[in-house]
PDB file of N, CA and C in Angstrom:
ATOM      1  N   UNK A   1     -61.857   2.059  62.652  1.00  0.00           N
ATOM      2  CA  UNK A   1     -61.335   3.148  61.891  1.00  0.00           C
ATOM      3  C   UNK A   1     -61.490   2.884  60.399  1.00  0.00           C
ATOM      4  N   UNK A   2     -61.248   1.635  60.064  1.00  0.00           N
ATOM      5  CA  UNK A   2     -61.364   1.257  58.667  1.00  0.00           C
ATOM      6  C   UNK A   2     -62.805   1.401  58.180  1.00  0.00           C
ATOM      7  N   UNK A   3     -63.767   1.129  59.046  1.00  0.00           N
ATOM      8  CA  UNK A   3     -65.181   1.233  58.680  1.00  0.00           C
ATOM      9  C   UNK A   3     -65.557   2.677  58.378  1.00  0.00           C
ATOM     10  N   UNK A   4     -65.018   3.615  59.116  1.00  0.00           N
ATOM     11  CA  UNK A   4     -65.298   5.033  58.892  1.00  0.00           C
ATOM     12  C   UNK A   4     -64.754   5.449  57.530  1.00  0.00           C
ATOM     13  N   UNK A   5     -63.558   5.013  57.184  1.00  0.00           N
ATOM     14  CA  UNK A   5     -62.949   5.338  55.892  1.00  0.00           C
ATOM     15  C   UNK A   5     -63.781   4.771  54.751  1.00  0.00           C
ATOM     16  N   UNK A   6     -64.233   3.523  54.881  1.00  0.00           N
ATOM     17  CA  UNK A   6     -65.052   2.896  53.844  1.00  0.00           C
ATOM     18  C   UNK A   6     -66.388   3.622  53.717  1.00  0.00           C
ATOM     19  N   UNK A   7     -66.946   4.045  54.844  1.00  0.00           N
ATOM     20  CA  UNK A   7     -68.212   4.783  54.820  1.00  0.00           C
ATOM     21  C   UNK A   7     -68.079   6.120  54.108  1.00  0.00           C
ATOM     22  N   UNK A   8     -66.979   6.829  54.395  1.00  0.00           N
ATOM     23  CA  UNK A   8     -66.745   8.114  53.740  1.00  0.00           C
ATOM     24  C   UNK A   8     -66.529   7.916  52.239  1.00  0.00           C
ATOM     25  N   UNK A   9     -65.816   6.876  51.882  1.00  0.00           N
ATOM     26  CA  UNK A   9     -65.562   6.592  50.465  1.00  0.00           C
ATOM     27  C   UNK A   9     -66.865   6.245  49.754  1.00  0.00           C
ATOM     28  N   UNK A  10     -67.714   5.474  50.382  1.00  0.00           N
ATOM     29  CA  UNK A  10     -69.008   5.119  49.785  1.00  0.00           C
ATOM     30  C   UNK A  10     -69.878   6.359  49.617  1.00  0.00           C
ATOM     31  N   UNK A  11     -69.847   7.259  50.604  1.00  0.00           N
ATOM     32  CA  UNK A  11     -70.613   8.504  50.504  1.00  0.00           C
ATOM     33  C   UNK A  11     -70.111   9.373  49.354  1.00  0.00           C
ATOM     34  N   UNK A  12     -68.780   9.433  49.161  1.00  0.00           N
ATOM     35  CA  UNK A  12     -68.226  10.210  48.052  1.00  0.00           C
ATOM     36  C   UNK A  12     -68.638   9.617  46.715  1.00  0.00           C
ATOM     37  N   UNK A  13     -68.614   8.307  46.605  1.00  0.00           N
ATOM     38  CA  UNK A  13     -68.993   7.640  45.359  1.00  0.00           C
ATOM     39  C   UNK A  13     -70.477   7.867  45.073  1.00  0.00           C
ATOM     40  N   UNK A  14     -71.326   7.706  46.059  1.00  0.00           N
ATOM     41  CA  UNK A  14     -72.763   7.908  45.832  1.00  0.00           C
ATOM     42  C   UNK A  14     -73.065   9.381  45.534  1.00  0.00           C
ATOM     43  N   UNK A  15     -72.317  10.298  46.167  1.00  0.00           N
ATOM     44  CA  UNK A  15     -72.491  11.725  45.878  1.00  0.00           C
ATOM     45  C   UNK A  15     -72.098  12.049  44.449  1.00  0.00           C
ATOM     46  N   UNK A  16     -71.007  11.462  43.984  1.00  0.00           N
ATOM     47  CA  UNK A  16     -70.553  11.677  42.606  1.00  0.00           C
ATOM     48  C   UNK A  16     -71.557  11.111  41.616  1.00  0.00           C
ATOM     49  N   UNK A  17     -72.069   9.926  41.901  1.00  0.00           N
ATOM     50  CA  UNK A  17     -73.057   9.306  41.011  1.00  0.00           C
ATOM     51  C   UNK A  17     -74.327  10.143  40.947  1.00  0.00           C
ATOM     52  N   UNK A  18     -74.762  10.669  42.089  1.00  0.00           N
ATOM     53  CA  UNK A  18     -75.980  11.483  42.080  1.00  0.00           C
ATOM     54  C   UNK A  18     -75.748  12.795  41.320  1.00  0.00           C
ATOM     55  N   UNK A  19     -74.560  13.390  41.434  1.00  0.00           N
ATOM     56  CA  UNK A  19     -74.255  14.608  40.669  1.00  0.00           C
ATOM     57  C   UNK A  19     -74.267  14.334  39.176  1.00  0.00           C
ATOM     58  N   UNK A  20     -73.696  13.209  38.776  1.00  0.00           N
ATOM     59  CA  UNK A  20     -73.708  12.828  37.356  1.00  0.00           C
ATOM     60  C   UNK A  20     -75.145  12.585  36.889  1.00  0.00           C
ATOM     61  N   UNK A  21     -75.930  11.934  37.731  1.00  0.00           N
ATOM     62  CA  UNK A  21     -77.331  11.680  37.385  1.00  0.00           C
ATOM     63  C   UNK A  21     -78.117  12.969  37.204  1.00  0.00           C
ATOM     64  N   UNK A  22     -77.942  13.915  38.121  1.00  0.00           N
ATOM     65  CA  UNK A  22     -78.633  15.208  38.009  1.00  0.00           C
ATOM     66  C   UNK A  22     -78.182  15.959  36.760  1.00  0.00           C
ATOM     67  N   UNK A  23     -76.897  15.911  36.481  1.00  0.00           N
ATOM     68  CA  UNK A  23     -76.378  16.575  35.288  1.00  0.00           C
ATOM     69  C   UNK A  23     -76.976  15.971  34.019  1.00  0.00           C
ATOM     70  N   UNK A  24     -77.044  14.649  33.980  1.00  0.00           N
ATOM     71  CA  UNK A  24     -77.638  13.988  32.812  1.00  0.00           C
ATOM     72  C   UNK A  24     -79.114  14.359  32.654  1.00  0.00           C
ATOM     73  N   UNK A  25     -79.843  14.427  33.746  1.00  0.00           N
ATOM     74  CA  UNK A  25     -81.262  14.804  33.686  1.00  0.00           C
ATOM     75  C   UNK A  25     -81.410  16.225  33.140  1.00  0.00           C
ATOM     76  N   UNK A  26     -80.567  17.141  33.605  1.00  0.00           N
ATOM     77  CA  UNK A  26     -80.628  18.527  33.126  1.00  0.00           C
ATOM     78  C   UNK A  26     -80.290  18.601  31.640  1.00  0.00           C
ATOM     79  N   UNK A  27     -79.267  17.872  31.213  1.00  0.00           N
ATOM     80  CA  UNK A  27     -78.879  17.864  29.797  1.00  0.00           C
ATOM     81  C   UNK A  27     -80.018  17.309  28.936  1.00  0.00           C
ATOM     82  N   UNK A  28     -80.646  16.250  29.376  1.00  0.00           N
ATOM     83  CA  UNK A  28     -81.763  15.659  28.621  1.00  0.00           C
ATOM     84  C   UNK A  28     -82.936  16.636  28.551  1.00  0.00           C
ATOM     85  N   UNK A  29     -83.250  17.310  29.652  1.00  0.00           N
ATOM     86  CA  UNK A  29     -84.345  18.289  29.651  1.00  0.00           C
ATOM     87  C   UNK A  29     -84.044  19.463  28.735  1.00  0.00           C
ATOM     88  N   UNK A  30     -82.807  19.932  28.731  1.00  0.00           N
ATOM     89  CA  UNK A  30     -82.425  21.024  27.828  1.00  0.00           C
ATOM     90  C   UNK A  30     -82.547  20.579  26.380  1.00  0.00           C
ATOM     91  N   UNK A  31     -82.118  19.370  26.080  1.00  0.00           N
ATOM     92  CA  UNK A  31     -82.220  18.848  24.713  1.00  0.00           C
ATOM     93  C   UNK A  31     -83.676  18.741  24.284  1.00  0.00           C
ATOM     94  N   UNK A  32     -84.537  18.234  25.143  1.00  0.00           N
ATOM     95  CA  UNK A  32     -85.958  18.109  24.815  1.00  0.00           C
ATOM     96  C   UNK A  32     -86.576  19.483  24.582  1.00  0.00           C
ATOM     97  N   UNK A  33     -86.248  20.457  25.416  1.00  0.00           N
ATOM     98  CA  UNK A  33     -86.761  21.820  25.257  1.00  0.00           C
ATOM     99  C   UNK A  33     -86.273  22.424  23.950  1.00  0.00           C
ATOM    100  N   UNK A  34     -84.989  22.305  23.651  1.00  0.00           N
ATOM    101  CA  UNK A  34     -84.424  22.858  22.422  1.00  0.00           C
ATOM    102  C   UNK A  34     -85.055  22.212  21.195  1.00  0.00           C
ATOM    103  N   UNK A  35     -85.244  20.914  21.238  1.00  0.00           N
ATOM    104  CA  UNK A  35     -85.848  20.202  20.114  1.00  0.00           C
ATOM    105  C   UNK A  35     -87.293  20.660  19.903  1.00  0.00           C
ATOM    106  N   UNK A  36     -88.033  20.877  20.975  1.00  0.00           N
ATOM    107  CA  UNK A  36     -89.411  21.354  20.860  1.00  0.00           C
ATOM    108  C   UNK A  36     -89.492  22.745  20.267  1.00  0.00           C
ATOM    109  N   UNK A  37     -88.615  23.635  20.701  1.00  0.00           N
ATOM    110  CA  UNK A  37     -88.584  24.998  20.148  1.00  0.00           C
ATOM    111  C   UNK A  37     -88.225  24.953  18.669  1.00  0.00           C
ATOM    112  N   UNK A  38     -87.298  24.108  18.298  1.00  0.00           N
ATOM    113  CA  UNK A  38     -86.891  23.971  16.902  1.00  0.00           C
ATOM    114  C   UNK A  38     -88.060  23.469  16.043  1.00  0.00           C
ATOM    115  N   UNK A  39     -88.800  22.498  16.539  1.00  0.00           N
ATOM    116  CA  UNK A  39     -89.956  21.974  15.806  1.00  0.00           C
ATOM    117  C   UNK A  39     -91.035  23.037  15.636  1.00  0.00           C
ATOM    118  N   UNK A  40     -91.278  23.830  16.677  1.00  0.00           N
ATOM    119  CA  UNK A  40     -92.266  24.910  16.580  1.00  0.00           C
ATOM    120  C   UNK A  40     -91.846  25.942  15.548  1.00  0.00           C
ATOM    121  N   UNK A  41     -90.570  26.274  15.505  1.00  0.00           N
ATOM    122  CA  UNK A  41     -90.060  27.248  14.546  1.00  0.00           C
ATOM    123  C   UNK A  41     -90.242  26.735  13.122  1.00  0.00           C
ATOM    124  N   UNK A  42     -89.906  25.487  12.883  1.00  0.00           N
ATOM    125  CA  UNK A  42     -90.064  24.898  11.557  1.00  0.00           C
ATOM    126  C   UNK A  42     -91.529  24.851  11.164  1.00  0.00           C
ATOM    127  N   UNK A  43     -92.385  24.483  12.092  1.00  0.00           N
ATOM    128  CA  UNK A  43     -93.820  24.431  11.822  1.00  0.00           C
ATOM    129  C   UNK A  43     -94.353  25.815  11.486  1.00  0.00           C
ATOM    130  N   UNK A  44     -93.884  26.843  12.184  1.00  0.00           N
ATOM    131  CA  UNK A  44     -94.318  28.209  11.937  1.00  0.00           C
ATOM    132  C   UNK A  44     -93.914  28.660  10.534  1.00  0.00           C
ATOM    133  N   UNK A  45     -92.705  28.348  10.099  1.00  0.00           N
ATOM    134  CA  UNK A  45     -92.249  28.723   8.759  1.00  0.00           C
ATOM    135  C   UNK A  45     -93.056  27.986   7.703  1.00  0.00           C
ATOM    136  N   UNK A  46     -93.376  26.719   7.935  1.00  0.00           N
ATOM    137  CA  UNK A  46     -94.217  25.968   6.999  1.00  0.00           C
ATOM    138  C   UNK A  46     -95.589  26.620   6.854  1.00  0.00           C
ATOM    139  N   UNK A  47     -96.157  27.059   7.967  1.00  0.00           N
ATOM    140  CA  UNK A  47     -97.461  27.725   7.928  1.00  0.00           C
ATOM    141  C   UNK A  47     -97.377  29.053   7.192  1.00  0.00           C
ATOM    142  N   UNK A  48     -96.292  29.795   7.376  1.00  0.00           N
ATOM    143  CA  UNK A  48     -96.111  31.052   6.655  1.00  0.00           C
ATOM    144  C   UNK A  48     -96.030  30.809   5.152  1.00  0.00           C
ATOM    145  N   UNK A  49     -95.332  29.754   4.756  1.00  0.00           N
ATOM    146  CA  UNK A  49     -95.205  29.435   3.331  1.00  0.00           C
ATOM    147  C   UNK A  49     -96.567  29.067   2.740  1.00  0.00           C
ATOM    148  N   UNK A  50     -97.342  28.284   3.462  1.00  0.00           N
ATOM    149  CA  UNK A  50     -98.681  27.915   3.001  1.00  0.00           C
ATOM    150  C   UNK A  50     -99.573  29.146   2.903  1.00  0.00           C
ATOM    151  N   UNK A  51     -99.504  30.009   3.889  1.00  0.00           N
ATOM    152  CA  UNK A  51    -100.297  31.234   3.886  1.00  0.00           C
ATOM    153  C   UNK A  51     -99.914  32.139   2.715  1.00  0.00           C
ATOM    154  N   UNK A  52     -98.621  32.252   2.435  1.00  0.00           N
ATOM    155  CA  UNK A  52     -98.157  33.064   1.313  1.00  0.00           C
ATOM    156  C   UNK A  52     -98.669  32.504  -0.007  1.00  0.00           C
ATOM    157  N   UNK A  53     -98.592  31.200  -0.167  1.00  0.00           N
ATOM    158  CA  UNK A  53     -99.079  30.565  -1.388  1.00  0.00           C
ATOM    159  C   UNK A  53    -100.572  30.826  -1.593  1.00  0.00           C
ATOM    160  N   UNK A  54    -101.350  30.696  -0.522  1.00  0.00           N
ATOM    161  CA  UNK A  54    -102.787  30.938  -0.615  1.00  0.00           C
ATOM    162  C   UNK A  54    -103.082  32.411  -0.913  1.00  0.00           C
ATOM    163  N   UNK A  55    -102.317  33.327  -0.316  1.00  0.00           N
ATOM    164  CA  UNK A  55    -102.524  34.760  -0.551  1.00  0.00           C
ATOM    165  C   UNK A  55    -102.217  35.128  -2.002  1.00  0.00           C
ATOM    166  N   UNK A  56    -101.137  34.576  -2.543  1.00  0.00           N
ATOM    167  CA  UNK A  56    -100.788  34.861  -3.938  1.00  0.00           C
ATOM    168  C   UNK A  56    -101.863  34.319  -4.868  1.00  0.00           C
ATOM    169  N   UNK A  57    -102.299  33.076  -4.636  1.00  0.00           N
ATOM    170  CA  UNK A  57    -103.364  32.494  -5.469  1.00  0.00           C
ATOM    171  C   UNK A  57    -104.637  33.325  -5.397  1.00  0.00           C
ATOM    172  N   UNK A  58    -105.006  33.739  -4.195  1.00  0.00           N
ATOM    173  CA  UNK A  58    -106.212  34.547  -4.017  1.00  0.00           C
ATOM    174  C   UNK A  58    -106.105  35.879  -4.768  1.00  0.00           C
ATOM    175  N   UNK A  59    -104.948  36.540  -4.661  1.00  0.00           N
ATOM    176  CA  UNK A  59    -104.768  37.823  -5.332  1.00  0.00           C
ATOM    177  C   UNK A  59    -104.742  37.669  -6.853  1.00  0.00           C
ATOM    178  N   UNK A  60    -104.130  36.612  -7.349  1.00  0.00           N
ATOM    179  CA  UNK A  60    -104.113  36.367  -8.801  1.00  0.00           C
ATOM    180  C   UNK A  60    -105.525  36.172  -9.320  1.00  0.00           C
ATOM    181  N   UNK A  61    -106.310  35.357  -8.617  1.00  0.00           N
ATOM    182  CA  UNK A  61    -107.686  35.091  -9.052  1.00  0.00           C
ATOM    183  C   UNK A  61    -108.540  36.347  -8.930  1.00  0.00           C
ATOM    184  N   UNK A  62    -108.356  37.112  -7.869  1.00  0.00           N
ATOM    185  CA  UNK A  62    -109.117  38.347  -7.697  1.00  0.00           C
ATOM    186  C   UNK A  62    -108.779  39.335  -8.816  1.00  0.00           C
ATOM    187  N   UNK A  63    -107.531  39.452  -9.176  1.00  0.00           N
ATOM    188  CA  UNK A  63    -107.117  40.339 -10.259  1.00  0.00           C
ATOM    189  C   UNK A  63    -107.767  39.903 -11.571  1.00  0.00           C
ATOM    190  N   UNK A  64    -107.767  38.607 -11.832  1.00  0.00           N
ATOM    191  CA  UNK A  64    -108.363  38.114 -13.073  1.00  0.00           C
ATOM    192  C   UNK A  64    -109.872  38.375 -13.107  1.00  0.00           C
ATOM    193  N   UNK A  65    -110.529  38.196 -11.962  1.00  0.00           N
ATOM    194  CA  UNK A  65    -111.973  38.433 -11.902  1.00  0.00           C
ATOM    195  C   UNK A  65    -112.316  39.909 -12.096  1.00  0.00           C
ATOM    196  N   UNK A  66    -111.533  40.795 -11.516  1.00  0.00           N
ATOM    197  CA  UNK A  66    -111.832  42.227 -11.590  1.00  0.00           C
ATOM    198  C   UNK A  66    -111.361  42.872 -12.896  1.00  0.00           C
ATOM    199  N   UNK A  67    -110.210  42.447 -13.402  1.00  0.00           N
ATOM    200  CA  UNK A  67    -109.614  43.127 -14.549  1.00  0.00           C
ATOM    201  C   UNK A  67    -109.692  42.330 -15.843  1.00  0.00           C
ATOM    202  N   UNK A  68    -109.974  41.053 -15.764  1.00  0.00           N
ATOM    203  CA  UNK A  68    -110.093  40.229 -16.970  1.00  0.00           C
ATOM    204  C   UNK A  68    -108.765  39.702 -17.492  1.00  0.00           C
ATOM    205  N   UNK A  69    -107.654  40.019 -16.811  1.00  0.00           N
ATOM    206  CA  UNK A  69    -106.333  39.500 -17.187  1.00  0.00           C
ATOM    207  C   UNK A  69    -105.587  39.140 -15.907  1.00  0.00           C
ATOM    208  N   UNK A  70    -104.644  38.238 -16.056  1.00  0.00           N
ATOM    209  CA  UNK A  70    -103.824  37.891 -14.900  1.00  0.00           C
ATOM    210  C   UNK A  70    -102.802  38.993 -14.660  1.00  0.00           C
ATOM    211  N   UNK A  71    -102.347  39.172 -13.425  1.00  0.00           N
ATOM    212  CA  UNK A  71    -101.395  40.249 -13.131  1.00  0.00           C
ATOM    213  C   UNK A  71    -100.083  40.071 -13.900  1.00  0.00           C
ATOM    214  N   UNK A  72     -99.532  41.175 -14.400  1.00  0.00           N
ATOM    215  CA  UNK A  72     -98.299  41.078 -15.201  1.00  0.00           C
ATOM    216  C   UNK A  72     -97.040  40.782 -14.378  1.00  0.00           C
ATOM    217  N   UNK A  73     -97.074  41.105 -13.071  1.00  0.00           N
ATOM    218  CA  UNK A  73     -95.888  40.872 -12.241  1.00  0.00           C
ATOM    219  C   UNK A  73     -96.279  40.749 -10.777  1.00  0.00           C
ATOM    220  N   UNK A  74     -95.338  40.327  -9.984  1.00  0.00           N
ATOM    221  CA  UNK A  74     -95.549  40.229  -8.540  1.00  0.00           C
ATOM    222  C   UNK A  74     -95.648  41.632  -7.934  1.00  0.00           C
ATOM    223  N   UNK A  75     -94.873  42.562  -8.470  1.00  0.00           N
ATOM    224  CA  UNK A  75     -94.951  43.948  -7.998  1.00  0.00           C
ATOM    225  C   UNK A  75     -96.354  44.513  -8.189  1.00  0.00           C
ATOM    226  N   UNK A  76     -97.010  44.125  -9.262  1.00  0.00           N
ATOM    227  CA  UNK A  76     -98.369  44.583  -9.525  1.00  0.00           C
ATOM    228  C   UNK A  76     -99.304  44.106  -8.412  1.00  0.00           C
ATOM    229  N   UNK A  77     -99.131  42.860  -7.986  1.00  0.00           N
ATOM    230  CA  UNK A  77     -99.940  42.335  -6.882  1.00  0.00           C
ATOM    231  C   UNK A  77     -99.650  43.081  -5.583  1.00  0.00           C
ATOM    232  N   UNK A  78     -98.392  43.407  -5.365  1.00  0.00           N
ATOM    233  CA  UNK A  78     -98.021  44.133  -4.153  1.00  0.00           C
ATOM    234  C   UNK A  78     -98.614  45.537  -4.147  1.00  0.00           C
ATOM    235  N   UNK A  79     -98.573  46.213  -5.279  1.00  0.00           N
ATOM    236  CA  UNK A  79     -99.048  47.597  -5.357  1.00  0.00           C
ATOM    237  C   UNK A  79    -100.566  47.708  -5.377  1.00  0.00           C
ATOM    238  N   UNK A  80    -101.243  46.835  -6.112  1.00  0.00           N
ATOM    239  CA  UNK A  80    -102.683  46.984  -6.321  1.00  0.00           C
ATOM    240  C   UNK A  80    -103.548  46.080  -5.445  1.00  0.00           C
ATOM    241  N   UNK A  81    -102.992  45.002  -4.931  1.00  0.00           N
ATOM    242  CA  UNK A  81    -103.801  44.061  -4.149  1.00  0.00           C
ATOM    243  C   UNK A  81    -103.279  43.842  -2.731  1.00  0.00           C
ATOM    244  N   UNK A  82    -102.258  44.603  -2.337  1.00  0.00           N
ATOM    245  CA  UNK A  82    -101.794  44.591  -0.956  1.00  0.00           C
ATOM    246  C   UNK A  82    -101.035  43.352  -0.521  1.00  0.00           C
ATOM    247  N   UNK A  83    -100.423  42.647  -1.461  1.00  0.00           N
ATOM    248  CA  UNK A  83     -99.648  41.455  -1.101  1.00  0.00           C
ATOM    249  C   UNK A  83     -98.400  41.886  -0.322  1.00  0.00           C
ATOM    250  N   UNK A  84     -98.232  41.318   0.858  1.00  0.00           N
ATOM    251  CA  UNK A  84     -97.070  41.600   1.701  1.00  0.00           C
ATOM    252  C   UNK A  84     -96.518  40.257   2.183  1.00  0.00           C
ATOM    253  N   UNK A  85     -95.200  40.106   2.090  1.00  0.00           N
ATOM    254  CA  UNK A  85     -94.564  38.888   2.601  1.00  0.00           C
ATOM    255  C   UNK A  85     -93.128  39.200   3.000  1.00  0.00           C
ATOM    256  N   UNK A  86     -92.516  38.322   3.750  1.00  0.00           N
ATOM    257  CA  UNK A  86     -91.154  38.492   4.238  1.00  0.00           C
ATOM    258  C   UNK A  86     -90.174  38.110   3.121  1.00  0.00           C
ATOM    259  N   UNK A  87     -89.579  39.119   2.500  1.00  0.00           N
ATOM    260  CA  UNK A  87     -88.682  38.887   1.365  1.00  0.00           C
ATOM    261  C   UNK A  87     -87.332  38.334   1.800  1.00  0.00           C
ATOM    262  N   UNK A  88     -87.025  38.416   3.077  1.00  0.00           N
ATOM    263  CA  UNK A  88     -85.793  37.816   3.575  1.00  0.00           C
ATOM    264  C   UNK A  88     -85.968  36.326   3.852  1.00  0.00           C
ATOM    265  N   UNK A  89     -87.206  35.894   3.980  1.00  0.00           N
ATOM    266  CA  UNK A  89     -87.491  34.495   4.280  1.00  0.00           C
ATOM    267  C   UNK A  89     -87.900  33.707   3.038  1.00  0.00           C
ATOM    268  N   UNK A  90     -88.587  34.379   2.101  1.00  0.00           N
ATOM    269  CA  UNK A  90     -89.088  33.693   0.903  1.00  0.00           C
ATOM    270  C   UNK A  90     -88.704  34.448  -0.363  1.00  0.00           C
ATOM    271  N   UNK A  91     -88.396  33.681  -1.400  1.00  0.00           N
ATOM    272  CA  UNK A  91     -88.221  34.229  -2.739  1.00  0.00           C
ATOM    273  C   UNK A  91     -89.386  33.711  -3.564  1.00  0.00           C
ATOM    274  N   UNK A  92     -90.094  34.637  -4.232  1.00  0.00           N
ATOM    275  CA  UNK A  92     -91.236  34.246  -5.065  1.00  0.00           C
ATOM    276  C   UNK A  92     -90.851  34.463  -6.516  1.00  0.00           C
ATOM    277  N   UNK A  93     -90.836  33.373  -7.271  1.00  0.00           N
ATOM    278  CA  UNK A  93     -90.574  33.433  -8.710  1.00  0.00           C
ATOM    279  C   UNK A  93     -91.923  33.488  -9.415  1.00  0.00           C
ATOM    280  N   UNK A  94     -92.235  34.641  -9.998  1.00  0.00           N
ATOM    281  CA  UNK A  94     -93.525  34.858 -10.646  1.00  0.00           C
ATOM    282  C   UNK A  94     -93.263  35.007 -12.140  1.00  0.00           C
ATOM    283  N   UNK A  95     -93.831  34.106 -12.928  1.00  0.00           N
ATOM    284  CA  UNK A  95     -93.632  34.143 -14.377  1.00  0.00           C
ATOM    285  C   UNK A  95     -94.982  34.158 -15.084  1.00  0.00           C
ATOM    286  N   UNK A  96     -95.357  35.340 -15.597  1.00  0.00           N
ATOM    287  CA  UNK A  96     -96.605  35.388 -16.366  1.00  0.00           C
ATOM    288  C   UNK A  96     -96.410  34.684 -17.709  1.00  0.00           C
ATOM    289  N   UNK A  97     -97.396  33.900 -18.096  1.00  0.00           N
ATOM    290  CA  UNK A  97     -97.308  33.153 -19.348  1.00  0.00           C
ATOM    291  C   UNK A  97     -98.074  33.879 -20.449  1.00  0.00           C
ATOM    292  N   UNK A  98     -99.192  34.454 -20.094  1.00  0.00           N
ATOM    293  CA  UNK A  98    -100.003  35.207 -21.040  1.00  0.00           C
ATOM    294  C   UNK A  98    -101.126  35.893 -20.284  1.00  0.00           C
ATOM    295  N   UNK A  99    -101.860  36.761 -20.956  1.00  0.00           N
ATOM    296  CA  UNK A  99    -102.916  37.526 -20.305  1.00  0.00           C
ATOM    297  C   UNK A  99    -104.035  36.628 -19.785  1.00  0.00           C
ATOM    298  N   UNK A 100    -104.297  35.525 -20.467  1.00  0.00           N
ATOM    299  CA  UNK A 100    -105.397  34.647 -20.075  1.00  0.00           C
ATOM    300  C   UNK A 100    -104.928  33.251 -19.662  1.00  0.00           C
ATOM    301  N   UNK A 101    -103.673  33.130 -19.294  1.00  0.00           N
ATOM    302  CA  UNK A 101    -103.122  31.851 -18.827  1.00  0.00           C
ATOM    303  C   UNK A 101    -102.569  32.078 -17.417  1.00  0.00           C
ATOM    304  N   UNK A 102    -102.962  31.200 -16.513  1.00  0.00           N
ATOM    305  CA  UNK A 102    -102.548  31.335 -15.118  1.00  0.00           C
ATOM    306  C   UNK A 102    -101.017  31.363 -15.035  1.00  0.00           C
ATOM    307  N   UNK A 103    -100.448  32.333 -14.314  1.00  0.00           N
ATOM    308  CA  UNK A 103     -98.986  32.449 -14.231  1.00  0.00           C
ATOM    309  C   UNK A 103     -98.352  31.309 -13.431  1.00  0.00           C
ATOM    310  N   UNK A 104     -97.069  31.094 -13.706  1.00  0.00           N
ATOM    311  CA  UNK A 104     -96.298  30.087 -12.971  1.00  0.00           C
ATOM    312  C   UNK A 104     -95.703  30.760 -11.736  1.00  0.00           C
ATOM    313  N   UNK A 105     -96.070  30.269 -10.547  1.00  0.00           N
ATOM    314  CA  UNK A 105     -95.606  30.849  -9.296  1.00  0.00           C
ATOM    315  C   UNK A 105     -94.860  29.780  -8.503  1.00  0.00           C
ATOM    316  N   UNK A 106     -93.622  30.104  -8.102  1.00  0.00           N
ATOM    317  CA  UNK A 106     -92.816  29.198  -7.290  1.00  0.00           C
ATOM    318  C   UNK A 106     -92.345  29.954  -6.062  1.00  0.00           C
ATOM    319  N   UNK A 107     -92.544  29.366  -4.892  1.00  0.00           N
ATOM    320  CA  UNK A 107     -92.107  29.977  -3.641  1.00  0.00           C
ATOM    321  C   UNK A 107     -90.922  29.167  -3.126  1.00  0.00           C
ATOM    322  N   UNK A 108     -89.811  29.868  -2.884  1.00  0.00           N
ATOM    323  CA  UNK A 108     -88.591  29.214  -2.410  1.00  0.00           C
ATOM    324  C   UNK A 108     -88.229  29.795  -1.051  1.00  0.00           C
ATOM    325  N   UNK A 109     -87.990  28.929  -0.097  1.00  0.00           N
ATOM    326  CA  UNK A 109     -87.595  29.341   1.245  1.00  0.00           C
ATOM    327  C   UNK A 109     -86.106  29.696   1.223  1.00  0.00           C
ATOM    328  N   UNK A 110     -85.775  30.918   1.653  1.00  0.00           N
ATOM    329  CA  UNK A 110     -84.385  31.366   1.627  1.00  0.00           C
ATOM    330  C   UNK A 110     -83.670  31.007   2.917  1.00  0.00           C
ATOM    331  N   UNK A 111     -84.215  31.429   4.077  1.00  0.00           N
ATOM    332  CA  UNK A 111     -83.525  31.260   5.343  1.00  0.00           C
ATOM    333  C   UNK A 111     -84.155  30.208   6.233  1.00  0.00           C
ATOM    334  N   UNK A 112     -85.168  29.528   5.808  1.00  0.00           N
ATOM    335  CA  UNK A 112     -85.841  28.558   6.660  1.00  0.00           C
ATOM    336  C   UNK A 112     -84.908  27.481   7.152  1.00  0.00           C
ATOM    337  N   UNK A 113     -84.034  26.971   6.271  1.00  0.00           N
ATOM    338  CA  UNK A 113     -83.125  25.910   6.665  1.00  0.00           C
ATOM    339  C   UNK A 113     -81.981  26.452   7.502  1.00  0.00           C
ATOM    340  N   UNK A 114     -81.577  27.718   7.247  1.00  0.00           N
ATOM    341  CA  UNK A 114     -80.492  28.302   8.045  1.00  0.00           C
ATOM    342  C   UNK A 114     -80.959  28.520   9.477  1.00  0.00           C
ATOM    343  N   UNK A 115     -82.203  28.964   9.673  1.00  0.00           N
ATOM    344  CA  UNK A 115     -82.722  29.163  11.022  1.00  0.00           C
ATOM    345  C   UNK A 115     -82.902  27.826  11.720  1.00  0.00           C
ATOM    346  N   UNK A 116     -83.176  26.796  10.946  1.00  0.00           N
ATOM    347  CA  UNK A 116     -83.376  25.474  11.529  1.00  0.00           C
ATOM    348  C   UNK A 116     -82.095  24.970  12.189  1.00  0.00           C
ATOM    349  N   UNK A 117     -80.933  25.346  11.619  1.00  0.00           N
ATOM    350  CA  UNK A 117     -79.663  24.889  12.162  1.00  0.00           C
ATOM    351  C   UNK A 117     -79.256  25.633  13.412  1.00  0.00           C
ATOM    352  N   UNK A 118     -79.837  26.822  13.643  1.00  0.00           N
ATOM    353  CA  UNK A 118     -79.465  27.608  14.826  1.00  0.00           C
ATOM    354  C   UNK A 118     -80.015  26.996  16.018  1.00  0.00           C
TER     355      UNK A 118
END
């Protein structure tokens, strides 16, 4: 009788250990999946920022080649050269220095870090 009780107790212990093991495996897999999605999101935002920088540079140079002066504002690039970007994700500080001096352009990520925390 005692052997049956010990056997049942051993089965309960091994069942509990296997449940904990399965739970840990699921938690680790969820963490790995979440971390991968987070890395892809960050990489995508980095690529968008690089693309925006290249588009602004291209439009500034194209404006200078066609008109002989650098664009007076970022709005000018948007209206005449078709510059489009996500204004909720990036802030572009555009400072013209002079008609024949390349403008100072700074791109600041607004929500990139906030989305990273989600």
